[in-house]
Amino acid sequence: MIRVKLNEEELEKLRSFRCEMGLSLTKVTELMGIGSKLRDYESGKFNPSIEFLEKLAELYDKEEIKNFGVKIA
């Protein structure tokens, strides 16, 4: 699984997109079935996978999310 490192601007955009849709962290984690990982991803504590970002892009209807981050091993 390939993970990506997000910069501060991208992390803020993820939070912004979620809030624009009126979704709580809890609601998004329920919709995606990911437990509490979203908080860790939005804070930069953990690096999300490409697949995770693709799912968020679909949920938020924001294609630009697919281009976020720098791939890391």
PDB file of N, CA and C in Angstrom:
ATOM      1  N   MET A   1       0.847  -1.176   0.000  1.00  0.00           N
ATOM      2  CA  MET A   1       0.000   0.000   0.000  1.00  0.00           C
ATOM      3  C   MET A   1       0.892   1.239   0.000  1.00  0.00           C
ATOM      4  N   ILE A   2       0.620   2.129  -0.925  1.00  0.00           N
ATOM      5  CA  ILE A   2       1.410   3.358  -1.029  1.00  0.00           C
ATOM      6  C   ILE A   2       0.749   4.446  -0.189  1.00  0.00           C
ATOM      7  N   ARG A   3       1.555   5.077   0.635  1.00  0.00           N
ATOM      8  CA  ARG A   3       1.074   6.166   1.493  1.00  0.00           C
ATOM      9  C   ARG A   3       1.621   7.482   0.968  1.00  0.00           C
ATOM     10  N   VAL A   4       0.947   8.564   1.353  1.00  0.00           N
ATOM     11  CA  VAL A   4       1.381   9.893   0.918  1.00  0.00           C
ATOM     12  C   VAL A   4       1.543  10.820   2.118  1.00  0.00           C
ATOM     13  N   LYS A   5       2.489  11.714   2.019  1.00  0.00           N
ATOM     14  CA  LYS A   5       2.745  12.730   3.040  1.00  0.00           C
ATOM     15  C   LYS A   5       2.065  14.011   2.574  1.00  0.00           C
ATOM     16  N   LEU A   6       1.160  14.537   3.398  1.00  0.00           N
ATOM     17  CA  LEU A   6       0.430  15.751   3.059  1.00  0.00           C
ATOM     18  C   LEU A   6       1.087  16.963   3.712  1.00  0.00           C
ATOM     19  N   ASN A   7       1.083  18.094   2.998  1.00  0.00           N
ATOM     20  CA  ASN A   7       1.611  19.318   3.594  1.00  0.00           C
ATOM     21  C   ASN A   7       0.505  20.021   4.379  1.00  0.00           C
ATOM     22  N   GLU A   8       0.845  21.067   5.088  1.00  0.00           N
ATOM     23  CA  GLU A   8      -0.117  21.766   5.955  1.00  0.00           C
ATOM     24  C   GLU A   8      -1.310  22.314   5.173  1.00  0.00           C
ATOM     25  N   GLU A   9      -1.061  22.840   4.002  1.00  0.00           N
ATOM     26  CA  GLU A   9      -2.147  23.376   3.178  1.00  0.00           C
ATOM     27  C   GLU A   9      -3.134  22.273   2.784  1.00  0.00           C
ATOM     28  N   GLU A  10      -2.615  21.120   2.412  1.00  0.00           N
ATOM     29  CA  GLU A  10      -3.482  19.994   2.038  1.00  0.00           C
ATOM     30  C   GLU A  10      -4.270  19.475   3.240  1.00  0.00           C
ATOM     31  N   LEU A  11      -3.623  19.418   4.404  1.00  0.00           N
ATOM     32  CA  LEU A  11      -4.317  18.985   5.614  1.00  0.00           C
ATOM     33  C   LEU A  11      -5.472  19.930   5.931  1.00  0.00           C
ATOM     34  N   GLU A  12      -5.225  21.224   5.798  1.00  0.00           N
ATOM     35  CA  GLU A  12      -6.276  22.217   6.058  1.00  0.00           C
ATOM     36  C   GLU A  12      -7.414  22.073   5.049  1.00  0.00           C
ATOM     37  N   LYS A  13      -7.083  21.804   3.796  1.00  0.00           N
ATOM     38  CA  LYS A  13      -8.120  21.622   2.778  1.00  0.00           C
ATOM     39  C   LYS A  13      -8.992  20.414   3.099  1.00  0.00           C
ATOM     40  N   LEU A  14      -8.390  19.332   3.577  1.00  0.00           N
ATOM     41  CA  LEU A  14      -9.193  18.154   3.940  1.00  0.00           C
ATOM     42  C   LEU A  14     -10.204  18.524   5.016  1.00  0.00           C
ATOM     43  N   ARG A  15      -9.755  19.242   6.031  1.00  0.00           N
ATOM     44  CA  ARG A  15     -10.667  19.670   7.105  1.00  0.00           C
ATOM     45  C   ARG A  15     -11.746  20.598   6.542  1.00  0.00           C
ATOM     46  N   SER A  16     -11.344  21.517   5.686  1.00  0.00           N
ATOM     47  CA  SER A  16     -12.265  22.478   5.092  1.00  0.00           C
ATOM     48  C   SER A  16     -13.344  21.794   4.259  1.00  0.00           C
ATOM     49  N   PHE A  17     -12.931  20.872   3.417  1.00  0.00           N
ATOM     50  CA  PHE A  17     -13.890  20.164   2.563  1.00  0.00           C
ATOM     51  C   PHE A  17     -14.928  19.435   3.414  1.00  0.00           C
ATOM     52  N   ARG A  18     -14.472  18.796   4.476  1.00  0.00           N
ATOM     53  CA  ARG A  18     -15.386  18.059   5.356  1.00  0.00           C
ATOM     54  C   ARG A  18     -16.379  19.023   5.998  1.00  0.00           C
ATOM     55  N   CYS A  19     -15.864  20.138   6.503  1.00  0.00           N
ATOM     56  CA  CYS A  19     -16.726  21.122   7.169  1.00  0.00           C
ATOM     57  C   CYS A  19     -17.700  21.772   6.192  1.00  0.00           C
ATOM     58  N   GLU A  20     -17.251  22.035   4.959  1.00  0.00           N
ATOM     59  CA  GLU A  20     -18.129  22.614   3.934  1.00  0.00           C
ATOM     60  C   GLU A  20     -19.344  21.725   3.688  1.00  0.00           C
ATOM     61  N   MET A  21     -19.148  20.434   3.813  1.00  0.00           N
ATOM     62  CA  MET A  21     -20.237  19.484   3.595  1.00  0.00           C
ATOM     63  C   MET A  21     -21.085  19.289   4.853  1.00  0.00           C
ATOM     64  N   GLY A  22     -20.654  19.896   5.950  1.00  0.00           N
ATOM     65  CA  GLY A  22     -21.397  19.775   7.199  1.00  0.00           C
ATOM     66  C   GLY A  22     -21.236  18.411   7.847  1.00  0.00           C
ATOM     67  N   LEU A  23     -20.117  17.753   7.573  1.00  0.00           N
ATOM     68  CA  LEU A  23     -19.872  16.417   8.110  1.00  0.00           C
ATOM     69  C   LEU A  23     -18.933  16.467   9.310  1.00  0.00           C
ATOM     70  N   SER A  24     -19.280  15.735  10.330  1.00  0.00           N
ATOM     71  CA  SER A  24     -18.400  15.612  11.492  1.00  0.00           C
ATOM     72  C   SER A  24     -17.359  14.530  11.214  1.00  0.00           C
ATOM     73  N   LEU A  25     -16.308  14.521  12.027  1.00  0.00           N
ATOM     74  CA  LEU A  25     -15.320  13.435  11.929  1.00  0.00           C
ATOM     75  C   LEU A  25     -16.009  12.091  12.098  1.00  0.00           C
ATOM     76  N   THR A  26     -16.899  12.019  13.063  1.00  0.00           N
ATOM     77  CA  THR A  26     -17.600  10.760  13.351  1.00  0.00           C
ATOM     78  C   THR A  26     -18.413  10.292  12.159  1.00  0.00           C
ATOM     79  N   LYS A  27     -19.124  11.207  11.504  1.00  0.00           N
ATOM     80  CA  LYS A  27     -19.965  10.834  10.366  1.00  0.00           C
ATOM     81  C   LYS A  27     -19.119  10.312   9.210  1.00  0.00           C
ATOM     82  N   VAL A  28     -18.020  10.987   8.915  1.00  0.00           N
ATOM     83  CA  VAL A  28     -17.160  10.546   7.809  1.00  0.00           C
ATOM     84  C   VAL A  28     -16.564   9.176   8.123  1.00  0.00           C
ATOM     85  N   THR A  29     -16.125   8.966   9.353  1.00  0.00           N
ATOM     86  CA  THR A  29     -15.551   7.658   9.703  1.00  0.00           C
ATOM     87  C   THR A  29     -16.608   6.562   9.594  1.00  0.00           C
ATOM     88  N   GLU A  30     -17.851   6.883   9.937  1.00  0.00           N
ATOM     89  CA  GLU A  30     -18.932   5.908   9.781  1.00  0.00           C
ATOM     90  C   GLU A  30     -19.183   5.603   8.308  1.00  0.00           C
ATOM     91  N   LEU A  31     -19.258   6.650   7.488  1.00  0.00           N
ATOM     92  CA  LEU A  31     -19.522   6.475   6.061  1.00  0.00           C
ATOM     93  C   LEU A  31     -18.422   5.677   5.365  1.00  0.00           C
ATOM     94  N   MET A  32     -17.174   5.876   5.813  1.00  0.00           N
ATOM     95  CA  MET A  32     -16.041   5.215   5.173  1.00  0.00           C
ATOM     96  C   MET A  32     -15.628   3.928   5.873  1.00  0.00           C
ATOM     97  N   GLY A  33     -16.156   3.690   7.067  1.00  0.00           N
ATOM     98  CA  GLY A  33     -15.794   2.488   7.809  1.00  0.00           C
ATOM     99  C   GLY A  33     -14.327   2.439   8.203  1.00  0.00           C
ATOM    100  N   ILE A  34     -13.820   3.567   8.711  1.00  0.00           N
ATOM    101  CA  ILE A  34     -12.382   3.643   8.998  1.00  0.00           C
ATOM    102  C   ILE A  34     -12.044   3.843  10.465  1.00  0.00           C
ATOM    103  N   GLY A  35     -12.976   3.706  11.351  1.00  0.00           N
ATOM    104  CA  GLY A  35     -12.662   3.930  12.759  1.00  0.00           C
ATOM    105  C   GLY A  35     -12.310   5.390  12.985  1.00  0.00           C
ATOM    106  N   SER A  36     -11.318   5.653  13.824  1.00  0.00           N
ATOM    107  CA  SER A  36     -10.969   7.037  14.169  1.00  0.00           C
ATOM    108  C   SER A  36      -9.776   7.565  13.380  1.00  0.00           C
ATOM    109  N   LYS A  37      -9.406   6.926  12.310  1.00  0.00           N
ATOM    110  CA  LYS A  37      -8.213   7.322  11.563  1.00  0.00           C
ATOM    111  C   LYS A  37      -8.297   8.704  10.943  1.00  0.00           C
ATOM    112  N   LEU A  38      -9.477   9.180  10.606  1.00  0.00           N
ATOM    113  CA  LEU A  38      -9.597  10.470   9.921  1.00  0.00           C
ATOM    114  C   LEU A  38      -8.972  11.596  10.739  1.00  0.00           C
ATOM    115  N   ARG A  39      -9.206  11.601  12.021  1.00  0.00           N
ATOM    116  CA  ARG A  39      -8.614  12.639  12.886  1.00  0.00           C
ATOM    117  C   ARG A  39      -7.085  12.603  12.781  1.00  0.00           C
ATOM    118  N   ASP A  40      -6.523  11.393  12.784  1.00  0.00           N
ATOM    119  CA  ASP A  40      -5.068  11.250  12.686  1.00  0.00           C
ATOM    120  C   ASP A  40      -4.550  11.705  11.324  1.00  0.00           C
ATOM    121  N   TYR A  41      -5.305  11.439  10.269  1.00  0.00           N
ATOM    122  CA  TYR A  41      -4.906  11.880   8.931  1.00  0.00           C
ATOM    123  C   TYR A  41      -5.013  13.400   8.811  1.00  0.00           C
ATOM    124  N   GLU A  42      -6.111  13.982   9.297  1.00  0.00           N
ATOM    125  CA  GLU A  42      -6.294  15.428   9.202  1.00  0.00           C
ATOM    126  C   GLU A  42      -5.278  16.201  10.038  1.00  0.00           C
ATOM    127  N   SER A  43      -4.771  15.589  11.097  1.00  0.00           N
ATOM    128  CA  SER A  43      -3.786  16.265  11.944  1.00  0.00           C
ATOM    129  C   SER A  43      -2.355  16.066  11.440  1.00  0.00           C
ATOM    130  N   GLY A  44      -2.189  15.141  10.485  1.00  0.00           N
ATOM    131  CA  GLY A  44      -0.852  14.847   9.978  1.00  0.00           C
ATOM    132  C   GLY A  44      -0.111  13.821  10.814  1.00  0.00           C
ATOM    133  N   LYS A  45      -0.798  13.238  11.807  1.00  0.00           N
ATOM    134  CA  LYS A  45      -0.165  12.246  12.681  1.00  0.00           C
ATOM    135  C   LYS A  45       0.193  10.977  11.906  1.00  0.00           C
ATOM    136  N   PHE A  46      -0.700  10.582  10.997  1.00  0.00           N
ATOM    137  CA  PHE A  46      -0.455   9.411  10.147  1.00  0.00           C
ATOM    138  C   PHE A  46      -0.607   9.816   8.692  1.00  0.00           C
ATOM    139  N   ASN A  47       0.052   9.095   7.826  1.00  0.00           N
ATOM    140  CA  ASN A  47      -0.008   9.360   6.391  1.00  0.00           C
ATOM    141  C   ASN A  47      -1.049   8.453   5.740  1.00  0.00           C
ATOM    142  N   PRO A  48      -2.001   9.036   5.004  1.00  0.00           N
ATOM    143  CA  PRO A  48      -3.048   8.231   4.378  1.00  0.00           C
ATOM    144  C   PRO A  48      -2.531   7.492   3.143  1.00  0.00           C
ATOM    145  N   SER A  49      -3.265   6.462   2.778  1.00  0.00           N
ATOM    146  CA  SER A  49      -2.942   5.739   1.548  1.00  0.00           C
ATOM    147  C   SER A  49      -3.570   6.469   0.360  1.00  0.00           C
ATOM    148  N   ILE A  50      -3.081   6.152  -0.812  1.00  0.00           N
ATOM    149  CA  ILE A  50      -3.652   6.715  -2.036  1.00  0.00           C
ATOM    150  C   ILE A  50      -5.114   6.307  -2.142  1.00  0.00           C
ATOM    151  N   GLU A  51      -5.410   5.068  -1.796  1.00  0.00           N
ATOM    152  CA  GLU A  51      -6.780   4.562  -1.874  1.00  0.00           C
ATOM    153  C   GLU A  51      -7.714   5.361  -0.947  1.00  0.00           C
ATOM    154  N   PHE A  52      -7.226   5.691   0.231  1.00  0.00           N
ATOM    155  CA  PHE A  52      -8.018   6.476   1.172  1.00  0.00           C
ATOM    156  C   PHE A  52      -8.337   7.844   0.585  1.00  0.00           C
ATOM    157  N   LEU A  53      -7.334   8.494  -0.002  1.00  0.00           N
ATOM    158  CA  LEU A  53      -7.563   9.816  -0.594  1.00  0.00           C
ATOM    159  C   LEU A  53      -8.545   9.739  -1.754  1.00  0.00           C
ATOM    160  N   GLU A  54      -8.494   8.657  -2.516  1.00  0.00           N
ATOM    161  CA  GLU A  54      -9.440   8.482  -3.619  1.00  0.00           C
ATOM    162  C   GLU A  54     -10.867   8.360  -3.090  1.00  0.00           C
ATOM    163  N   LYS A  55     -11.049   7.652  -1.984  1.00  0.00           N
ATOM    164  CA  LYS A  55     -12.378   7.511  -1.380  1.00  0.00           C
ATOM    165  C   LYS A  55     -12.874   8.855  -0.845  1.00  0.00           C
ATOM    166  N   LEU A  56     -11.972   9.613  -0.216  1.00  0.00           N
ATOM    167  CA  LEU A  56     -12.355  10.943   0.271  1.00  0.00           C
ATOM    168  C   LEU A  56     -12.734  11.856  -0.886  1.00  0.00           C
ATOM    169  N   ALA A  57     -11.982  11.797  -1.975  1.00  0.00           N
ATOM    170  CA  ALA A  57     -12.277  12.619  -3.146  1.00  0.00           C
ATOM    171  C   ALA A  57     -13.680  12.320  -3.656  1.00  0.00           C
ATOM    172  N   GLU A  58     -14.042  11.063  -3.661  1.00  0.00           N
ATOM    173  CA  GLU A  58     -15.381  10.672  -4.108  1.00  0.00           C
ATOM    174  C   GLU A  58     -16.449  11.155  -3.125  1.00  0.00           C
ATOM    175  N   LEU A  59     -16.225  10.934  -1.838  1.00  0.00           N
ATOM    176  CA  LEU A  59     -17.187  11.339  -0.817  1.00  0.00           C
ATOM    177  C   LEU A  59     -17.397  12.857  -0.810  1.00  0.00           C
ATOM    178  N   TYR A  60     -16.317  13.611  -0.883  1.00  0.00           N
ATOM    179  CA  TYR A  60     -16.386  15.068  -0.838  1.00  0.00           C
ATOM    180  C   TYR A  60     -16.658  15.686  -2.205  1.00  0.00           C
ATOM    181  N   ASP A  61     -16.621  14.870  -3.260  1.00  0.00           N
ATOM    182  CA  ASP A  61     -16.787  15.337  -4.636  1.00  0.00           C
ATOM    183  C   ASP A  61     -15.751  16.409  -4.967  1.00  0.00           C
ATOM    184  N   LYS A  62     -14.494  16.102  -4.631  1.00  0.00           N
ATOM    185  CA  LYS A  62     -13.369  17.014  -4.853  1.00  0.00           C
ATOM    186  C   LYS A  62     -12.223  16.227  -5.490  1.00  0.00           C
ATOM    187  N   GLU A  63     -12.169  16.243  -6.805  1.00  0.00           N
ATOM    188  CA  GLU A  63     -11.146  15.499  -7.540  1.00  0.00           C
ATOM    189  C   GLU A  63      -9.718  15.899  -7.161  1.00  0.00           C
ATOM    190  N   GLU A  64      -9.520  17.140  -6.775  1.00  0.00           N
ATOM    191  CA  GLU A  64      -8.169  17.617  -6.466  1.00  0.00           C
ATOM    192  C   GLU A  64      -7.511  16.826  -5.332  1.00  0.00           C
ATOM    193  N   ILE A  65      -8.312  16.215  -4.466  1.00  0.00           N
ATOM    194  CA  ILE A  65      -7.757  15.431  -3.362  1.00  0.00           C
ATOM    195  C   ILE A  65      -6.897  14.283  -3.889  1.00  0.00           C
ATOM    196  N   LYS A  66      -7.234  13.754  -5.040  1.00  0.00           N
ATOM    197  CA  LYS A  66      -6.469  12.637  -5.617  1.00  0.00           C
ATOM    198  C   LYS A  66      -5.030  13.030  -5.932  1.00  0.00           C
ATOM    199  N   ASN A  67      -4.776  14.324  -6.056  1.00  0.00           N
ATOM    200  CA  ASN A  67      -3.423  14.801  -6.385  1.00  0.00           C
ATOM    201  C   ASN A  67      -2.666  15.310  -5.171  1.00  0.00           C
ATOM    202  N   PHE A  68      -3.227  15.157  -3.985  1.00  0.00           N
ATOM    203  CA  PHE A  68      -2.564  15.628  -2.772  1.00  0.00           C
ATOM    204  C   PHE A  68      -1.396  14.729  -2.409  1.00  0.00           C
ATOM    205  N   GLY A  69      -0.427  15.327  -1.765  1.00  0.00           N
ATOM    206  CA  GLY A  69       0.658  14.576  -1.141  1.00  0.00           C
ATOM    207  C   GLY A  69       1.795  14.167  -2.033  1.00  0.00           C
ATOM    208  N   VAL A  70       2.828  13.699  -1.339  1.00  0.00           N
ATOM    209  CA  VAL A  70       4.019  13.168  -1.979  1.00  0.00           C
ATOM    210  C   VAL A  70       4.094  11.698  -1.583  1.00  0.00           C
ATOM    211  N   LYS A  71       4.244  10.829  -2.568  1.00  0.00           N
ATOM    212  CA  LYS A  71       4.294   9.399  -2.283  1.00  0.00           C
ATOM    213  C   LYS A  71       5.525   9.067  -1.436  1.00  0.00           C
ATOM    214  N   ILE A  72       5.312   8.229  -0.445  1.00  0.00           N
ATOM    215  CA  ILE A  72       6.412   7.760   0.410  1.00  0.00           C
ATOM    216  C   ILE A  72       6.355   6.246   0.511  1.00  0.00           C
ATOM    217  N   ALA A  73       7.433   5.655   0.921  1.00  0.00           N
ATOM    218  CA  ALA A  73       7.482   4.195   1.028  1.00  0.00           C
ATOM    219  C   ALA A  73       6.840   3.723   2.301  1.00  0.00           C
TER     220      ALA A  73
END
